[in-house]
Amino acid sequence: MTTELEAPVHPSRGRQALQRSIGWYLRQFSKVLNVLTDEELERLVPLLSERRFKPRQVLFAAGDPPERVYLLLKGRVKVYQVAENGKEIILDVVGRGGVVGDMAIVEDGERTACAAAIEETVAVTIAWEDFSYFVQQTPRLGFAMAELMARRLAGMQRTFMNLVSKPVSARLADTLLNRQEDGVVRLGLTHQELAQTIGTSRETVTALLSRFVTLGAITPIIDGYRVADEDLLDDIANGDLPVSPRHPVTAQAAAGS
C-alpha cells in the first residue's frame, strides 16, 4: 500500500509569499511605494522594521545625523523647528501613508528640523543608507520622492511667506482652506498645535475661529469645521477682510460683511 505525501513547502517560497503580502499591504498606505514593482517591493520589505511611538515621543531632533526614514502606518507626526525664543513652529503634519525623514536628501549631513509623534504612532522604518541606495537603483521611486519633497518644500515656503506677509487671521483662513476636503476641515490638531503652524498663540486661534463662525465663514462640526462660505473665507485668507482676534464680530456686522 502506498501513501501519497504532500510536497514540503520550501522556506524561501514561504518568505516570498509573506513579502508579497506585506508589499501589497504597504501599497495600500503609500502612493510613494505604489510606483514599485512586485520584485522591487520584495527587495525592499526585508530592509524594513516596525517602530511604535508614544504621543510627544521624538523621532529625531535638529542636528541629528540622518539615520532612518519612516513610513507611517498609523497616527500622525509633526515636523517642526524651535525658534530662538523656544517656541515651536510646525512645518508639516504627516499622517498615515506619509513619509518622515526623507528630507535628509537635501539636509547635507544633519537634520534641520525635529519630528515628534502627536498621538500613538506606528511606522515601518528603513536605514538611511539602505533607503538612499534603493532610491538610486529605482528611478521611479526617486522621481516619486522628488515630487513628494517638491510639494513639501512648496508648503514650507508658503508657510514662511504667510508668516512674514499676512496677518494672523489670513494665515488661519489659508490653513483652513488648505486642509479642507469636500468642504470639511478635519483639524486633527489642538488649538495649540494649530497656533504653532501659523506662528501665533492658542488664545488667538480660539478667538479667531469663533469670529469666523460668527461671520458665517465656517460652522462647527464634530472634530472640525464645515466651510459654509468659501468665498468669504477666501477673502479673509487674501487679507481683503481683516478679522481681529481682540474685537468680537457682532451678528449685525457679520450680516453686513
Protein backbone atom coordinates (compact mmCIF):
# COMPACT_ATOMS: atom_id res chain seq x y z
CA MET A 1 0.00 0.00 0.00
CA THR A 2 1.36 3.36 -1.00
CA THR A 3 0.71 6.66 0.70
CA GLU A 4 0.84 10.00 -1.08
CA LEU A 5 2.94 12.53 0.76
CA GLU A 6 2.39 16.27 0.42
CA ALA A 7 5.34 18.05 -1.12
CA PRO A 8 7.15 20.10 1.52
CA VAL A 9 6.82 23.86 1.26
CA HIS A 10 10.21 25.40 0.55
CA PRO A 11 11.08 28.01 3.21
CA SER A 12 12.13 30.57 0.59
CA ARG A 13 8.73 30.29 -1.10
CA GLY A 14 7.04 30.96 2.22
CA ARG A 15 9.18 34.04 2.77
CA GLN A 16 8.44 35.30 -0.75
CA ALA A 17 4.71 34.88 -0.20
CA LEU A 18 4.94 36.76 3.09
CA GLN A 19 6.95 39.55 1.49
CA ARG A 20 4.39 39.87 -1.31
CA SER A 21 1.62 40.14 1.27
CA ILE A 22 3.49 42.82 3.21
CA GLY A 23 4.30 44.65 -0.03
CA TRP A 24 0.63 44.63 -1.06
CA TYR A 25 -0.31 45.90 2.41
CA LEU A 26 2.19 48.78 2.23
CA ARG A 27 0.93 49.76 -1.21
CA GLN A 28 -2.47 50.46 0.30
CA PHE A 29 -0.91 53.06 2.59
CA SER A 30 1.62 54.83 0.42
CA LYS A 31 1.41 56.43 -3.01
CA VAL A 32 5.21 56.53 -2.99
CA LEU A 33 5.57 52.75 -2.68
CA ASN A 34 2.80 52.25 -5.22
CA VAL A 35 5.28 53.03 -8.01
CA LEU A 36 7.38 49.95 -7.21
CA THR A 37 7.06 46.61 -9.00
CA ASP A 38 6.40 43.41 -7.04
CA GLU A 39 10.05 42.42 -7.40
CA GLU A 40 11.25 45.79 -6.11
CA LEU A 41 8.91 45.60 -3.13
CA GLU A 42 10.17 42.11 -2.34
CA ARG A 43 13.70 43.52 -2.17
CA LEU A 44 12.58 46.44 -0.02
CA VAL A 45 10.45 44.61 2.57
CA PRO A 46 13.33 42.72 4.29
CA LEU A 47 15.02 46.08 4.94
CA LEU A 48 12.04 47.40 6.92
CA SER A 49 11.38 47.17 10.64
CA GLU A 50 8.44 48.32 12.74
CA ARG A 51 8.62 51.13 15.29
CA ARG A 52 5.99 52.43 17.70
CA PHE A 53 5.95 55.91 19.20
CA LYS A 54 4.00 57.35 22.11
CA PRO A 55 2.46 60.84 21.96
CA ARG A 56 5.18 63.54 22.11
CA GLN A 57 7.94 60.94 21.61
CA VAL A 58 10.70 62.36 19.40
CA LEU A 59 11.66 60.53 16.21
CA PHE A 60 14.66 62.76 15.61
CA ALA A 61 15.91 66.24 16.54
CA ALA A 62 17.56 69.06 14.62
CA GLY A 63 21.30 68.45 14.40
CA ASP A 64 20.95 64.65 14.46
CA PRO A 65 22.61 62.70 11.64
CA PRO A 66 20.07 61.21 9.21
CA GLU A 67 19.80 57.60 10.31
CA ARG A 68 16.33 56.41 9.31
CA VAL A 69 13.30 57.14 7.11
CA TYR A 70 9.78 56.41 8.37
CA LEU A 71 6.56 55.40 6.58
CA LEU A 72 3.57 55.98 8.86
CA LEU A 73 1.02 53.18 9.10
CA LYS A 74 -0.97 54.76 11.93
CA GLY A 75 -1.02 58.07 13.79
CA ARG A 76 0.45 61.48 12.99
CA VAL A 77 3.86 63.12 13.30
CA LYS A 78 4.64 66.83 13.41
CA VAL A 79 7.78 68.18 11.76
CA TYR A 80 8.84 71.39 13.45
CA GLN A 81 11.62 73.84 14.23
CA VAL A 82 12.29 75.59 17.52
CA ALA A 83 12.76 79.36 17.36
CA GLU A 84 15.35 81.21 19.43
CA ASN A 85 12.65 82.17 21.93
CA GLY A 86 11.84 78.49 22.46
CA LYS A 87 8.56 78.48 20.57
CA GLU A 88 7.79 75.63 18.19
CA ILE A 89 6.87 76.35 14.57
CA ILE A 90 5.17 73.37 12.94
CA LEU A 91 6.31 72.99 9.34
CA ASP A 92 4.27 69.92 8.44
CA VAL A 93 1.91 67.36 9.92
CA VAL A 94 2.33 63.90 8.35
CA GLY A 95 -0.42 61.30 8.63
CA ARG A 96 -0.98 57.68 7.66
CA GLY A 97 0.79 56.79 4.43
CA GLY A 98 3.15 59.74 4.69
CA VAL A 99 6.94 59.69 4.82
CA VAL A 100 9.06 61.34 7.51
CA GLY A 101 12.83 61.77 7.41
CA ASP A 102 13.24 61.79 3.63
CA MET A 103 14.33 65.45 3.62
CA ALA A 104 17.78 64.24 4.64
CA ILE A 105 18.44 64.12 0.89
CA VAL A 106 18.75 67.92 0.94
CA GLU A 107 19.91 68.42 4.54
CA ASP A 108 23.66 67.99 3.95
CA GLY A 109 24.53 65.56 6.70
CA GLU A 110 22.29 66.58 9.58
CA ARG A 111 18.64 67.12 10.38
CA THR A 112 17.43 70.71 10.07
CA ALA A 113 14.10 70.06 11.82
CA CYS A 114 12.64 67.92 14.59
CA ALA A 115 9.91 65.28 14.35
CA ALA A 116 7.66 64.03 17.15
CA ALA A 117 4.56 61.88 17.37
CA ILE A 118 1.32 63.77 18.02
CA GLU A 119 -0.54 60.60 19.01
CA GLU A 120 0.10 56.86 19.20
CA THR A 121 2.00 56.19 16.00
CA VAL A 122 3.13 53.05 14.17
CA ALA A 123 5.68 53.22 11.38
CA VAL A 124 7.87 50.99 9.28
CA THR A 125 11.38 52.32 9.08
CA ILE A 126 14.45 51.78 6.92
CA ALA A 127 18.07 52.76 7.49
CA TRP A 128 19.01 55.93 5.61
CA GLU A 129 21.86 54.19 3.77
CA ASP A 130 19.54 51.44 2.53
CA PHE A 131 16.87 53.94 1.53
CA SER A 132 19.35 56.16 -0.31
CA TYR A 133 20.79 53.19 -2.21
CA PHE A 134 17.30 51.91 -3.08
CA VAL A 135 16.26 55.33 -4.43
CA GLN A 136 19.39 55.44 -6.61
CA GLN A 137 18.69 51.98 -8.00
CA THR A 138 14.97 52.61 -8.61
CA PRO A 139 14.33 55.66 -10.81
CA ARG A 140 10.54 55.54 -10.36
CA LEU A 141 10.94 55.73 -6.58
CA GLY A 142 13.46 58.55 -6.96
CA PHE A 143 11.01 60.51 -9.12
CA ALA A 144 8.15 59.90 -6.67
CA MET A 145 10.32 61.09 -3.76
CA ALA A 146 11.36 64.18 -5.75
CA GLU A 147 7.68 65.04 -6.31
CA LEU A 148 6.93 64.49 -2.62
CA MET A 149 9.78 66.73 -1.49
CA ALA A 150 8.88 69.42 -4.01
CA ARG A 151 5.34 69.57 -2.63
CA ARG A 152 6.66 69.63 0.93
CA LEU A 153 9.16 72.39 0.20
CA ALA A 154 6.45 74.41 -1.55
CA GLY A 155 4.24 74.01 1.51
CA MET A 156 7.03 75.14 3.83
CA GLN A 157 7.79 78.12 1.60
CA ARG A 158 4.10 79.05 1.69
CA THR A 159 4.13 78.79 5.48
CA PHE A 160 7.12 81.10 5.82
CA MET A 161 5.73 83.59 3.28
CA ASN A 162 2.45 83.70 5.16
CA LEU A 163 4.27 84.28 8.45
CA VAL A 164 6.03 87.38 7.16
CA SER A 165 3.41 88.81 4.83
CA LYS A 166 -0.08 88.03 6.17
CA PRO A 167 -2.00 88.96 9.31
CA VAL A 168 -2.82 86.09 11.63
CA SER A 169 -6.49 85.93 10.56
CA ALA A 170 -5.40 85.47 6.93
CA ARG A 171 -2.89 82.77 7.91
CA LEU A 172 -5.57 80.85 9.82
CA ALA A 173 -8.10 81.12 6.99
CA ASP A 174 -5.48 79.98 4.49
CA THR A 175 -4.68 76.96 6.66
CA LEU A 176 -8.36 76.01 6.90
CA LEU A 177 -8.77 76.25 3.13
CA ASN A 178 -5.69 74.11 2.52
CA ARG A 179 -6.87 71.43 4.96
CA GLN A 180 -10.44 71.16 3.70
CA GLU A 181 -11.70 68.11 1.84
CA ASP A 182 -15.12 68.34 0.19
CA GLY A 183 -15.91 71.40 2.25
CA VAL A 184 -14.99 69.81 5.58
CA VAL A 185 -11.95 70.71 7.68
CA ARG A 186 -10.91 67.85 9.97
CA LEU A 187 -8.44 69.67 12.14
CA GLY A 188 -6.78 66.70 13.84
CA LEU A 189 -4.84 69.29 15.83
CA THR A 190 -5.37 71.03 19.13
CA HIS A 191 -5.75 74.79 19.04
CA GLN A 192 -2.21 74.97 20.46
CA GLU A 193 -0.81 72.85 17.62
CA LEU A 194 -2.80 74.82 15.07
CA ALA A 195 -1.34 78.01 16.56
CA GLN A 196 2.15 76.58 16.13
CA THR A 197 1.54 76.08 12.41
CA ILE A 198 0.74 79.77 11.86
CA GLY A 199 3.04 81.41 14.40
CA THR A 200 0.56 82.68 16.99
CA SER A 201 -0.98 81.77 20.36
CA ARG A 202 -3.66 79.26 21.27
CA GLU A 203 -5.88 82.07 22.58
CA THR A 204 -5.67 83.90 19.26
CA VAL A 205 -6.63 80.79 17.28
CA THR A 206 -9.60 80.10 19.57
CA ALA A 207 -10.80 83.71 19.30
CA LEU A 208 -10.43 83.82 15.50
CA LEU A 209 -12.25 80.54 14.95
CA SER A 210 -15.12 81.98 16.97
CA ARG A 211 -15.07 85.12 14.79
CA PHE A 212 -15.10 83.02 11.60
CA VAL A 213 -18.16 81.14 12.90
CA THR A 214 -19.96 84.40 13.73
CA LEU A 215 -19.18 85.77 10.27
CA GLY A 216 -20.67 82.64 8.71
CA ALA A 217 -17.46 81.51 7.02
CA ILE A 218 -17.39 78.17 8.89
CA THR A 219 -19.73 76.14 11.07
CA PRO A 220 -18.51 73.81 13.84
CA ILE A 221 -18.95 70.05 13.50
CA ILE A 222 -17.55 67.11 15.45
CA ASP A 223 -13.71 67.22 15.32
CA GLY A 224 -13.60 70.13 12.89
CA TYR A 225 -15.49 72.67 10.82
CA ARG A 226 -17.59 72.81 7.68
CA VAL A 227 -16.77 75.58 5.21
CA ALA A 228 -20.08 77.47 4.97
CA ASP A 229 -18.90 80.34 2.76
CA GLU A 230 -15.71 79.58 0.84
CA ASP A 231 -15.67 82.97 -0.89
CA LEU A 232 -15.80 84.74 2.47
CA LEU A 233 -13.06 82.52 3.89
CA ASP A 234 -11.02 83.18 0.76
CA ASP A 235 -11.44 86.95 1.26
CA ILE A 236 -10.10 86.58 4.80
CA ALA A 237 -7.20 84.42 3.58
CA ASN A 238 -6.28 87.02 0.95
CA GLY A 239 -6.34 89.81 3.53
CA ASP A 240 -9.31 91.54 1.84
CA LEU A 241 -11.39 91.18 5.01
CA PRO A 242 -9.33 91.73 8.18
CA VAL A 243 -10.63 89.95 11.27
CA SER A 244 -9.39 90.96 14.71
CA PRO A 245 -8.98 88.34 17.44
CA ARG A 246 -9.46 91.11 20.05
CA HIS A 247 -12.72 92.62 18.87
CA PRO A 248 -15.76 90.33 18.70
CA VAL A 249 -17.80 90.36 15.49
CA THR A 250 -21.43 91.27 16.08
CA ALA A 251 -24.17 89.41 14.27
CA GLN A 252 -25.20 92.68 12.59
CA ALA A 253 -21.66 93.31 11.33
CA ALA A 254 -21.44 89.73 10.12
CA ALA A 255 -24.69 90.09 8.18
CA GLY A 256 -23.40 93.22 6.53
CA SER A 257 -20.00 91.80 5.54
